[in-house]
Amino acid sequence: MKEFRITEETGGQRLNKVLQKLLPGAGTSFLYKMLRKKNITVNDRKADGAQILKSGDIIRIWFSDETYRKFAAENTAPKPADSRFVFNGMPEVLYEDDDLLFVNKPAGLLVQPDRKNGDCLTAQVGHYLLREEKADTSGIFRVGPANRLDRNTSGITAFGKTICGQQYLAEQFRERSMKKYYLALAFGDIPGESETETILSSWYVKNHGENAAHLYKGSERPESAVEVNLGIVPLSGDGEAVLLKVHLMTGKSHQIRAQLAAEGHPLAGDPKYGDKAWNKRLARQYGLKRQFLHAYRLELCTLSGQPLEIHAPLPDDLARVLKGEKLWEPGIPEVYGDRPWKT
């Protein structure tokens, strides 16, 4: 028999979701069969998989050791010796409390592992929480990201350290209660007054086979298309390029990159949607090897309702381009080494 006690940090989850984490090798029908036969109980009573668990509840799994080992993954909680990952250090922590964690993801790092199970931000966060003795090791809760950035987009990534934190962030992103801002260097000239936001609206379809987004205007669009919106504010420009503050109002894969390209203003360094000649010049002059896109600010509240504003320092590779192109002007957020920047 195996016993698991629900804590304040792991409460609030449905029983079936917890069992899927504890016994990832078992199918859903098998788990419900075990619940019906009382081979899995909560507080020594027959349980429904839809039951919401609370602090103090005790799950007992009445399996033999051999049967339990068959279905329980050895890696239900992250372990420092997990051979799937190479821990290359934890990126900068921008803000942390008991429930929330925000880190500054570097370009080139996946948020979650791919099929090769290489290094990723989620694994690094898991190692960090274990090392600081802040992680749940029961297997009932797994830390995970609330938002995802493309591999070569840098900036703020949010994690819930507890179930309450995860659920809160998921609601904030789903309800669009938080404000998400990026810095983007785009091709061409976009006139506008500072701090006057222009809304760009399009219809979006993601082609998963191509791993590319397609944008449409007007009524001539596929039935599967969804409306996406961006707010843009030009910060500085020289006629060839313009630095934009981008307010991401909806959140779709490649949305900023594809939507600006569809408007005739692709991002600097973008290999998929960008201008090849411009990208080649920037790579030659500044060594820019990825799209100029950085998630630099989030505005939300803590779980207690206190206003919270997160800032992420601009990486050196992007700052080098701005300074070289003479687009660094008063009013543009500045870099303060390894400290958060200010606006």
Protein backbone atom coordinates (compact mmCIF):
# COMPACT_ATOMS: atom_id res chain seq x y z
CA MET A 1 0.00 0.00 0.00
CA LYS A 2 1.15 3.52 -0.88
CA GLU A 3 -0.10 6.59 0.97
CA PHE A 4 -0.09 10.23 -0.17
CA ARG A 5 -1.20 13.20 1.92
CA ILE A 6 -2.59 16.31 0.22
CA THR A 7 -1.07 19.56 1.46
CA GLU A 8 -2.03 23.23 1.11
CA GLU A 9 0.31 23.39 -1.89
CA THR A 10 -1.15 20.36 -3.68
CA GLY A 11 -4.83 20.78 -2.79
CA GLY A 12 -7.45 21.98 -5.26
CA GLN A 13 -6.78 19.28 -7.87
CA ARG A 14 -9.22 16.70 -9.18
CA LEU A 15 -8.50 13.20 -7.95
CA ASN A 16 -8.26 11.73 -11.47
CA LYS A 17 -5.61 14.32 -12.41
CA VAL A 18 -3.56 13.48 -9.32
CA LEU A 19 -3.79 9.75 -10.04
CA GLN A 20 -2.59 10.32 -13.61
CA LYS A 21 0.51 12.01 -12.16
CA LEU A 22 1.10 9.32 -9.55
CA LEU A 23 0.41 6.43 -11.95
CA PRO A 24 1.27 7.70 -15.44
CA GLY A 25 1.62 4.17 -16.74
CA ALA A 26 -2.00 3.32 -15.96
CA GLY A 27 -4.84 3.99 -18.34
CA THR A 28 -7.91 6.05 -17.43
CA SER A 29 -10.29 3.07 -17.53
CA PHE A 30 -7.98 1.09 -15.23
CA LEU A 31 -7.84 3.93 -12.70
CA TYR A 32 -11.64 4.25 -12.61
CA LYS A 33 -11.94 0.47 -12.20
CA MET A 34 -9.57 0.64 -9.20
CA LEU A 35 -11.67 3.46 -7.72
CA ARG A 36 -14.87 1.44 -8.11
CA LYS A 37 -13.27 -1.58 -6.44
CA LYS A 38 -11.86 0.61 -3.62
CA ASN A 39 -8.32 -0.35 -4.51
CA ILE A 40 -7.78 3.42 -4.49
CA THR A 41 -9.42 5.36 -1.65
CA VAL A 42 -9.53 8.88 -0.25
CA ASN A 43 -9.69 9.07 3.55
CA ASP A 44 -10.40 5.30 3.48
CA ARG A 45 -13.62 5.84 1.56
CA LYS A 46 -14.72 5.02 -1.95
CA ALA A 47 -13.88 7.99 -4.15
CA ASP A 48 -15.07 9.57 -7.37
CA GLY A 49 -12.41 10.61 -9.86
CA ALA A 50 -14.04 14.04 -10.14
CA GLN A 51 -13.55 14.74 -6.43
CA ILE A 52 -11.63 17.94 -5.64
CA LEU A 53 -8.92 17.16 -3.13
CA LYS A 54 -8.23 19.43 -0.16
CA SER A 55 -5.45 19.80 2.35
CA GLY A 56 -5.38 16.86 4.78
CA ASP A 57 -6.96 14.33 2.41
CA ILE A 58 -5.12 11.00 2.28
CA ILE A 59 -4.95 8.92 -0.90
CA ARG A 60 -4.24 5.25 -0.35
CA ILE A 61 -3.34 2.99 -3.27
CA TRP A 62 -3.87 -0.64 -2.33
CA PHE A 63 -1.57 -2.26 -4.92
CA SER A 64 1.16 -4.78 -4.45
CA ASP A 65 4.66 -3.29 -4.70
CA GLU A 66 5.13 -4.98 -8.07
CA THR A 67 1.87 -3.60 -9.49
CA TYR A 68 2.60 -0.12 -8.16
CA ARG A 69 6.09 -0.09 -9.71
CA LYS A 70 4.58 -1.17 -13.02
CA PHE A 71 2.41 1.93 -13.29
CA ALA A 72 4.30 4.54 -11.25
CA ALA A 73 6.99 6.50 -13.11
CA GLU A 74 10.26 6.86 -11.28
CA ASN A 75 10.40 10.48 -12.45
CA THR A 76 7.03 11.68 -11.20
CA ALA A 77 8.92 14.44 -9.43
CA PRO A 78 12.02 16.09 -10.91
CA LYS A 79 15.30 14.70 -9.62
CA PRO A 80 18.74 16.31 -9.73
CA ALA A 81 20.14 13.14 -11.27
CA ASP A 82 17.53 13.00 -14.02
CA SER A 83 19.63 11.86 -17.00
CA ARG A 84 17.25 13.31 -19.57
CA PHE A 85 18.47 16.83 -18.82
CA VAL A 86 21.78 18.60 -18.52
CA PHE A 87 21.40 21.30 -15.91
CA ASN A 88 23.16 24.35 -17.28
CA GLY A 89 22.13 26.72 -14.52
CA MET A 90 19.02 28.67 -13.69
CA PRO A 91 18.17 31.82 -15.69
CA GLU A 92 17.62 35.07 -13.83
CA VAL A 93 14.72 35.02 -11.38
CA LEU A 94 12.77 38.25 -11.88
CA TYR A 95 10.19 37.76 -9.12
CA GLU A 96 9.27 34.99 -6.70
CA ASP A 97 6.80 34.49 -3.87
CA ASP A 98 5.21 31.43 -2.28
CA ASP A 99 3.00 30.74 -5.32
CA LEU A 100 4.52 32.49 -8.36
CA LEU A 101 7.87 32.47 -10.13
CA PHE A 102 8.90 34.60 -13.12
CA VAL A 103 12.19 33.99 -14.93
CA ASN A 104 14.01 35.63 -17.83
CA LYS A 105 14.26 32.92 -20.50
CA PRO A 106 17.33 33.23 -22.73
CA ALA A 107 17.05 32.79 -26.49
CA GLY A 108 17.88 29.30 -27.73
CA LEU A 109 16.26 27.49 -24.80
CA LEU A 110 12.97 25.60 -25.14
CA VAL A 111 10.36 26.22 -22.47
CA GLN A 112 9.40 22.52 -22.44
CA PRO A 113 11.33 19.46 -23.67
CA ASP A 114 11.01 18.30 -27.25
CA ARG A 115 11.07 14.71 -28.49
CA LYS A 116 14.81 14.57 -27.89
CA ASN A 117 14.19 15.35 -24.19
CA GLY A 118 16.98 17.88 -24.15
CA ASP A 119 17.57 20.72 -21.74
CA CYS A 120 14.63 23.08 -21.24
CA LEU A 121 13.49 25.91 -18.98
CA THR A 122 10.93 23.76 -17.15
CA ALA A 123 13.63 21.26 -16.18
CA GLN A 124 15.89 24.06 -14.98
CA VAL A 125 13.10 25.53 -12.86
CA GLY A 126 12.40 22.07 -11.43
CA HIS A 127 16.07 21.65 -10.48
CA TYR A 128 16.13 25.12 -8.96
CA LEU A 129 13.08 24.47 -6.78
CA LEU A 130 14.52 21.14 -5.61
CA ARG A 131 17.86 22.69 -4.79
CA GLU A 132 16.17 25.45 -2.81
CA GLU A 133 13.89 22.86 -1.14
CA LYS A 134 10.80 24.56 -2.56
CA ALA A 135 9.54 21.67 -4.70
CA ASP A 136 6.84 19.10 -3.99
CA THR A 137 8.54 15.69 -4.18
CA SER A 138 5.48 13.49 -3.77
CA GLY A 139 4.68 13.44 -7.49
CA ILE A 140 1.25 15.00 -6.81
CA PHE A 141 2.28 18.37 -8.21
CA ARG A 142 4.62 19.19 -11.09
CA VAL A 143 5.80 22.68 -11.81
CA GLY A 144 4.93 23.88 -15.30
CA PRO A 145 4.93 27.07 -17.36
CA ALA A 146 1.84 29.27 -17.63
CA ASN A 147 3.03 30.76 -20.94
CA ARG A 148 5.35 29.60 -23.70
CA LEU A 149 7.83 31.58 -25.73
CA ASP A 150 9.37 30.39 -29.00
CA ARG A 151 12.82 28.86 -28.63
CA ASN A 152 14.48 32.00 -30.01
CA THR A 153 12.29 34.53 -28.23
CA SER A 154 13.68 35.75 -24.91
CA GLY A 155 12.01 37.21 -21.87
CA ILE A 156 9.50 36.67 -19.10
CA THR A 157 8.16 33.18 -18.52
CA ALA A 158 5.70 32.55 -15.68
CA PHE A 159 5.51 29.44 -13.46
CA GLY A 160 3.08 28.48 -10.72
CA LYS A 161 4.97 26.96 -7.79
CA THR A 162 1.75 25.61 -6.29
CA ILE A 163 -1.62 24.43 -7.59
CA CYS A 164 -3.11 27.76 -6.51
CA GLY A 165 -0.37 29.59 -8.38
CA GLN A 166 -0.81 27.51 -11.53
CA GLN A 167 -4.58 27.90 -11.53
CA TYR A 168 -4.31 31.64 -10.91
CA LEU A 169 -1.85 32.20 -13.76
CA ALA A 170 -3.88 30.00 -16.10
CA GLU A 171 -6.95 32.11 -15.36
CA GLN A 172 -5.00 35.36 -15.83
CA PHE A 173 -3.74 34.27 -19.27
CA ARG A 174 -7.09 32.75 -20.29
CA GLU A 175 -9.14 35.76 -19.24
CA ARG A 176 -6.45 38.17 -20.56
CA SER A 177 -6.45 39.91 -17.21
CA MET A 178 -2.72 40.60 -17.34
CA LYS A 179 -1.00 42.92 -19.78
CA LYS A 180 1.86 41.45 -21.83
CA TYR A 181 4.40 43.67 -23.56
CA TYR A 182 7.24 42.84 -25.94
CA LEU A 183 10.00 44.82 -27.63
CA ALA A 184 10.32 44.11 -31.35
CA LEU A 185 12.54 45.59 -34.06
CA ALA A 186 10.52 45.65 -37.28
CA PHE A 187 11.36 46.41 -40.90
CA GLY A 188 10.24 49.67 -42.50
CA ASP A 189 8.67 52.81 -41.14
CA ILE A 190 5.62 52.85 -38.86
CA PRO A 191 4.63 56.41 -38.02
CA GLY A 192 2.91 57.13 -34.76
CA GLU A 193 2.99 59.16 -31.60
CA SER A 194 4.80 57.86 -28.55
CA GLU A 195 2.47 56.01 -26.15
CA THR A 196 -0.41 56.13 -28.66
CA GLU A 197 -1.32 52.49 -29.25
CA THR A 198 -2.44 51.38 -32.71
CA ILE A 199 -4.44 48.11 -32.81
CA LEU A 200 -3.67 45.57 -35.53
CA SER A 201 -6.39 42.99 -36.14
CA SER A 202 -6.19 39.87 -38.33
CA TRP A 203 -7.61 36.37 -38.68
CA TYR A 204 -5.15 33.63 -37.75
CA VAL A 205 -4.65 30.01 -38.82
CA LYS A 206 -1.71 27.85 -37.72
CA ASN A 207 -0.43 25.31 -40.26
CA HIS A 208 1.13 22.69 -38.01
CA GLY A 209 2.68 20.80 -40.92
CA GLU A 210 4.61 23.91 -41.93
CA ASN A 211 4.93 25.14 -38.34
CA ALA A 212 3.85 28.53 -39.66
CA ALA A 213 1.00 30.96 -39.07
CA HIS A 214 -1.11 32.43 -41.87
CA LEU A 215 -3.00 35.72 -41.49
CA TYR A 216 -6.14 36.83 -43.33
CA LYS A 217 -8.08 40.09 -43.67
CA GLY A 218 -11.80 40.56 -44.25
CA SER A 219 -14.32 37.79 -44.90
CA GLU A 220 -12.12 35.70 -47.23
CA ARG A 221 -10.71 33.37 -44.60
CA PRO A 222 -10.92 29.69 -43.55
CA GLU A 223 -13.68 28.72 -41.14
CA SER A 224 -11.03 27.68 -38.61
CA ALA A 225 -9.53 31.18 -38.47
CA VAL A 226 -9.59 33.02 -35.14
CA GLU A 227 -9.28 36.75 -34.59
CA VAL A 228 -5.98 38.01 -33.15
CA ASN A 229 -5.03 41.49 -32.00
CA LEU A 230 -1.85 43.42 -31.27
CA GLY A 231 -1.31 46.90 -29.96
CA ILE A 232 1.84 48.64 -31.22
CA VAL A 233 3.61 51.83 -30.17
CA PRO A 234 6.65 53.07 -32.18
CA LEU A 235 9.48 54.01 -29.81
CA SER A 236 12.18 55.02 -32.32
CA GLY A 237 12.88 54.62 -36.03
CA ASP A 238 15.18 55.66 -38.87
CA GLY A 239 12.96 54.97 -41.89
CA GLU A 240 14.45 51.51 -42.46
CA ALA A 241 13.58 50.01 -39.07
CA VAL A 242 11.38 50.82 -36.11
CA LEU A 243 11.55 49.68 -32.51
CA LEU A 244 8.06 48.78 -31.30
CA LYS A 245 6.46 48.25 -27.94
CA VAL A 246 4.02 45.43 -28.70
CA HIS A 247 0.99 44.78 -26.52
CA LEU A 248 0.04 41.13 -27.04
CA MET A 249 -3.72 41.09 -26.58
CA THR A 250 -4.26 37.53 -27.77
CA GLY A 251 -1.65 34.81 -27.51
CA LYS A 252 -1.13 32.50 -30.48
CA SER A 253 1.98 30.67 -31.65
CA HIS A 254 4.17 32.97 -33.82
CA GLN A 255 1.45 35.63 -33.58
CA ILE A 256 3.64 38.73 -33.26
CA ARG A 257 6.11 37.53 -35.88
CA ALA A 258 3.46 36.53 -38.42
CA GLN A 259 1.10 39.44 -37.81
CA LEU A 260 3.77 42.11 -38.21
CA ALA A 261 5.13 40.35 -41.32
CA ALA A 262 1.62 40.28 -42.80
CA GLU A 263 1.47 44.06 -42.28
CA GLY A 264 4.73 44.45 -44.24
CA HIS A 265 6.93 44.86 -41.16
CA PRO A 266 8.72 41.57 -40.46
CA LEU A 267 10.97 41.28 -37.42
CA ALA A 268 14.72 41.71 -37.63
CA GLY A 269 16.51 38.38 -37.75
CA ASP A 270 13.35 36.31 -38.24
CA PRO A 271 14.32 33.31 -40.43
CA LYS A 272 10.72 32.26 -41.15
CA TYR A 273 8.81 35.50 -41.80
CA GLY A 274 11.63 38.02 -42.18
CA ASP A 275 13.40 40.00 -44.91
CA LYS A 276 16.42 37.94 -46.02
CA ALA A 277 18.59 40.82 -47.20
CA TRP A 278 18.02 42.82 -44.01
CA ASN A 279 18.59 39.77 -41.85
CA LYS A 280 21.86 39.05 -43.65
CA ARG A 281 23.15 42.58 -43.00
CA LEU A 282 22.23 42.48 -39.32
CA ALA A 283 23.85 39.08 -38.92
CA ARG A 284 27.04 40.32 -40.60
CA GLN A 285 27.26 43.59 -38.65
CA TYR A 286 26.03 42.52 -35.22
CA GLY A 287 25.98 38.74 -35.18
CA LEU A 288 22.17 38.68 -34.81
CA LYS A 289 21.13 35.05 -35.15
CA ARG A 290 17.47 35.14 -34.12
CA GLN A 291 14.33 37.23 -34.27
CA PHE A 292 14.44 40.53 -32.39
CA LEU A 293 11.61 39.78 -29.98
CA HIS A 294 11.79 40.06 -26.19
CA ALA A 295 8.98 39.66 -23.63
CA TYR A 296 9.98 42.51 -21.39
CA ARG A 297 7.00 43.45 -19.19
CA LEU A 298 4.02 41.83 -17.47
CA GLU A 299 1.41 43.70 -15.47
CA LEU A 300 -0.81 41.66 -13.14
CA CYS A 301 -1.65 41.21 -9.45
CA THR A 302 -0.37 38.76 -6.88
CA LEU A 303 -2.75 36.18 -5.43
CA SER A 304 -3.36 38.60 -2.55
CA GLY A 305 -4.44 41.31 -5.00
CA GLN A 306 -1.33 43.50 -4.85
CA PRO A 307 -0.32 45.13 -8.18
CA LEU A 308 2.73 43.47 -9.68
CA GLU A 309 4.86 44.61 -12.61
CA ILE A 310 7.62 42.32 -13.89
CA HIS A 311 10.49 43.62 -16.05
CA ALA A 312 13.11 41.57 -17.92
CA PRO A 313 16.51 43.01 -18.93
CA LEU A 314 17.11 43.23 -22.67
CA PRO A 315 19.74 40.65 -23.75
CA ASP A 316 23.11 41.86 -25.02
CA ASP A 317 22.58 40.58 -28.57
CA LEU A 318 19.49 42.76 -29.01
CA ALA A 319 20.91 45.80 -27.22
CA ARG A 320 23.95 45.65 -29.51
CA VAL A 321 21.72 45.95 -32.58
CA LEU A 322 19.77 48.90 -31.18
CA LYS A 323 22.89 50.84 -30.26
CA GLY A 324 24.61 50.05 -33.56
CA GLU A 325 21.56 51.18 -35.56
CA LYS A 326 21.31 54.39 -33.48
CA LEU A 327 17.80 53.49 -32.31
CA TRP A 328 18.62 53.85 -28.63
CA GLU A 329 16.97 57.09 -27.55
CA PRO A 330 15.75 58.68 -24.30
CA GLY A 331 12.58 56.98 -23.16
CA ILE A 332 13.59 53.52 -24.39
CA PRO A 333 14.10 51.09 -21.49
CA GLU A 334 17.77 50.77 -20.63
CA VAL A 335 19.86 47.77 -19.64
CA TYR A 336 21.26 47.64 -16.13
CA GLY A 337 23.60 44.67 -16.36
CA ASP A 338 22.03 41.67 -14.66
CA ARG A 339 19.40 43.76 -12.84
CA PRO A 340 15.87 44.41 -14.02
CA TRP A 341 15.59 47.46 -16.23
CA LYS A 342 13.28 50.37 -15.71
CA THR A 343 10.82 52.23 -17.95
